[in-house]
Amino acid sequence: MKSQVKWGAGMIILGVIISPIAFPFLLFYAVPLVCIGAALIVFRSREDRIEQAEE
């Protein structure tokens, strides 16, 4: 498993754990964590494709 997937899964899990603890206040931290984690997982192989296209 690539490190992007590990970090993405970790951020999503942390965001989901934080969100119900103090609902209105910690959403400033939980929502970006989930979004960044999802983006890491979705765009994990984009670097490989960009490097292959340059060659």
N, C-alpha and C. Protein backbone atom coordinates (compact mmCIF):
# COMPACT_ATOMS: atom_id res chain seq x y z
N MET A 1 0.84 -1.17 0.00
CA MET A 1 0.00 0.00 0.00
C MET A 1 0.89 1.24 0.00
N LYS A 2 0.58 2.19 -0.85
CA LYS A 2 1.39 3.39 -0.93
C LYS A 2 1.15 4.29 0.28
N SER A 3 2.09 5.19 0.52
CA SER A 3 1.97 6.05 1.69
C SER A 3 0.81 7.03 1.55
N GLN A 4 0.44 7.41 0.31
CA GLN A 4 -0.70 8.31 0.14
C GLN A 4 -1.98 7.66 0.65
N VAL A 5 -2.12 6.36 0.43
CA VAL A 5 -3.32 5.67 0.88
C VAL A 5 -3.32 5.56 2.41
N LYS A 6 -2.16 5.29 2.99
CA LYS A 6 -2.08 5.21 4.45
C LYS A 6 -2.40 6.54 5.10
N TRP A 7 -1.79 7.61 4.59
CA TRP A 7 -2.06 8.94 5.14
C TRP A 7 -3.51 9.35 4.90
N GLY A 8 -4.03 9.06 3.72
CA GLY A 8 -5.42 9.40 3.42
C GLY A 8 -6.39 8.69 4.33
N ALA A 9 -6.19 7.40 4.53
CA ALA A 9 -7.07 6.63 5.42
C ALA A 9 -6.95 7.13 6.85
N GLY A 10 -5.74 7.44 7.27
CA GLY A 10 -5.54 7.97 8.61
C GLY A 10 -6.24 9.30 8.84
N MET A 11 -6.15 10.18 7.85
CA MET A 11 -6.81 11.48 7.98
C MET A 11 -8.33 11.35 7.98
N ILE A 12 -8.85 10.46 7.14
CA ILE A 12 -10.30 10.26 7.11
C ILE A 12 -10.78 9.70 8.45
N ILE A 13 -10.07 8.70 8.97
CA ILE A 13 -10.46 8.10 10.25
C ILE A 13 -10.38 9.13 11.37
N LEU A 14 -9.32 9.93 11.40
CA LEU A 14 -9.18 10.97 12.42
C LEU A 14 -10.30 11.99 12.31
N GLY A 15 -10.64 12.39 11.10
CA GLY A 15 -11.73 13.35 10.91
C GLY A 15 -13.07 12.81 11.35
N VAL A 16 -13.32 11.53 11.06
CA VAL A 16 -14.59 10.91 11.47
C VAL A 16 -14.65 10.76 12.99
N ILE A 17 -13.52 10.47 13.61
CA ILE A 17 -13.50 10.34 15.07
C ILE A 17 -13.69 11.70 15.75
N ILE A 18 -13.08 12.74 15.21
CA ILE A 18 -13.17 14.08 15.80
C ILE A 18 -14.57 14.68 15.64
N SER A 19 -15.22 14.45 14.52
CA SER A 19 -16.47 15.16 14.21
C SER A 19 -17.59 14.98 15.24
N PRO A 20 -17.88 13.80 15.78
CA PRO A 20 -18.99 13.73 16.73
C PRO A 20 -18.64 14.16 18.15
N ILE A 21 -17.36 14.35 18.46
CA ILE A 21 -16.97 14.68 19.84
C ILE A 21 -17.50 16.05 20.24
N ALA A 22 -17.17 17.06 19.50
CA ALA A 22 -17.65 18.43 19.78
C ALA A 22 -18.18 18.97 18.48
N PHE A 23 -19.39 18.61 18.16
CA PHE A 23 -19.95 18.79 16.82
C PHE A 23 -19.75 20.17 16.21
N PRO A 24 -20.25 21.25 16.76
CA PRO A 24 -20.15 22.50 15.98
C PRO A 24 -18.74 23.10 15.95
N PHE A 25 -17.94 22.85 16.97
CA PHE A 25 -16.66 23.54 17.07
C PHE A 25 -15.54 22.85 16.30
N LEU A 26 -15.45 21.55 16.39
CA LEU A 26 -14.34 20.84 15.76
C LEU A 26 -14.59 20.51 14.30
N LEU A 27 -15.70 20.94 13.73
CA LEU A 27 -15.91 20.72 12.30
C LEU A 27 -14.89 21.49 11.47
N PHE A 28 -14.33 22.55 12.05
CA PHE A 28 -13.27 23.30 11.35
C PHE A 28 -12.05 22.43 11.12
N TYR A 29 -11.87 21.42 11.95
CA TYR A 29 -10.74 20.50 11.80
C TYR A 29 -11.13 19.20 11.11
N ALA A 30 -12.33 18.72 11.39
CA ALA A 30 -12.74 17.41 10.89
C ALA A 30 -13.00 17.43 9.38
N VAL A 31 -13.69 18.44 8.90
CA VAL A 31 -14.05 18.49 7.48
C VAL A 31 -12.81 18.58 6.59
N PRO A 32 -11.84 19.46 6.88
CA PRO A 32 -10.64 19.48 6.04
C PRO A 32 -9.85 18.18 6.10
N LEU A 33 -9.80 17.53 7.26
CA LEU A 33 -9.09 16.26 7.35
C LEU A 33 -9.71 15.21 6.44
N VAL A 34 -11.04 15.13 6.45
CA VAL A 34 -11.72 14.15 5.60
C VAL A 34 -11.51 14.49 4.13
N CYS A 35 -11.61 15.77 3.78
CA CYS A 35 -11.44 16.18 2.37
C CYS A 35 -10.01 15.92 1.87
N ILE A 36 -9.02 16.26 2.68
CA ILE A 36 -7.64 16.04 2.27
C ILE A 36 -7.34 14.55 2.18
N GLY A 37 -7.86 13.77 3.12
CA GLY A 37 -7.67 12.33 3.08
C GLY A 37 -8.28 11.70 1.84
N ALA A 38 -9.48 12.14 1.50
CA ALA A 38 -10.14 11.62 0.29
C ALA A 38 -9.36 12.03 -0.96
N ALA A 39 -8.87 13.25 -1.00
CA ALA A 39 -8.10 13.70 -2.16
C ALA A 39 -6.81 12.91 -2.30
N LEU A 40 -6.15 12.58 -1.20
CA LEU A 40 -4.93 11.77 -1.28
C LEU A 40 -5.21 10.40 -1.87
N ILE A 41 -6.34 9.82 -1.48
CA ILE A 41 -6.67 8.49 -2.00
C ILE A 41 -7.09 8.56 -3.46
N VAL A 42 -7.89 9.55 -3.82
CA VAL A 42 -8.39 9.66 -5.19
C VAL A 42 -7.26 9.94 -6.17
N PHE A 43 -6.34 10.82 -5.81
CA PHE A 43 -5.29 11.24 -6.73
C PHE A 43 -3.96 10.55 -6.46
N ARG A 44 -3.96 9.35 -5.89
CA ARG A 44 -2.73 8.68 -5.48
C ARG A 44 -1.84 8.28 -6.65
N SER A 45 -2.39 7.93 -7.77
CA SER A 45 -1.56 7.46 -8.88
C SER A 45 -1.34 8.53 -9.94
N ARG A 46 -1.75 9.72 -9.69
CA ARG A 46 -1.60 10.80 -10.66
C ARG A 46 -0.13 11.14 -10.90
N GLU A 47 0.70 11.08 -9.85
CA GLU A 47 2.12 11.38 -10.01
C GLU A 47 2.79 10.42 -10.99
N ASP A 48 2.43 9.15 -10.91
CA ASP A 48 3.03 8.16 -11.81
C ASP A 48 2.66 8.44 -13.25
N ARG A 49 1.41 8.80 -13.49
CA ARG A 49 0.97 9.10 -14.85
C ARG A 49 1.63 10.35 -15.40
N ILE A 50 1.84 11.35 -14.54
CA ILE A 50 2.48 12.59 -15.00
C ILE A 50 3.95 12.31 -15.36
N GLU A 51 4.63 11.52 -14.54
CA GLU A 51 6.03 11.21 -14.82
C GLU A 51 6.17 10.38 -16.10
N GLN A 52 5.25 9.47 -16.35
CA GLN A 52 5.29 8.66 -17.57
C GLN A 52 5.03 9.52 -18.80
N ALA A 53 4.17 10.52 -18.69
CA ALA A 53 3.87 11.36 -19.83
C ALA A 53 5.05 12.27 -20.19
N GLU A 54 5.86 12.64 -19.21
CA GLU A 54 7.00 13.53 -19.46
C GLU A 54 8.12 12.80 -20.20
N GLU A 55 8.21 11.51 -20.04
CA GLU A 55 9.31 10.76 -20.66
C GLU A 55 9.10 10.52 -22.10
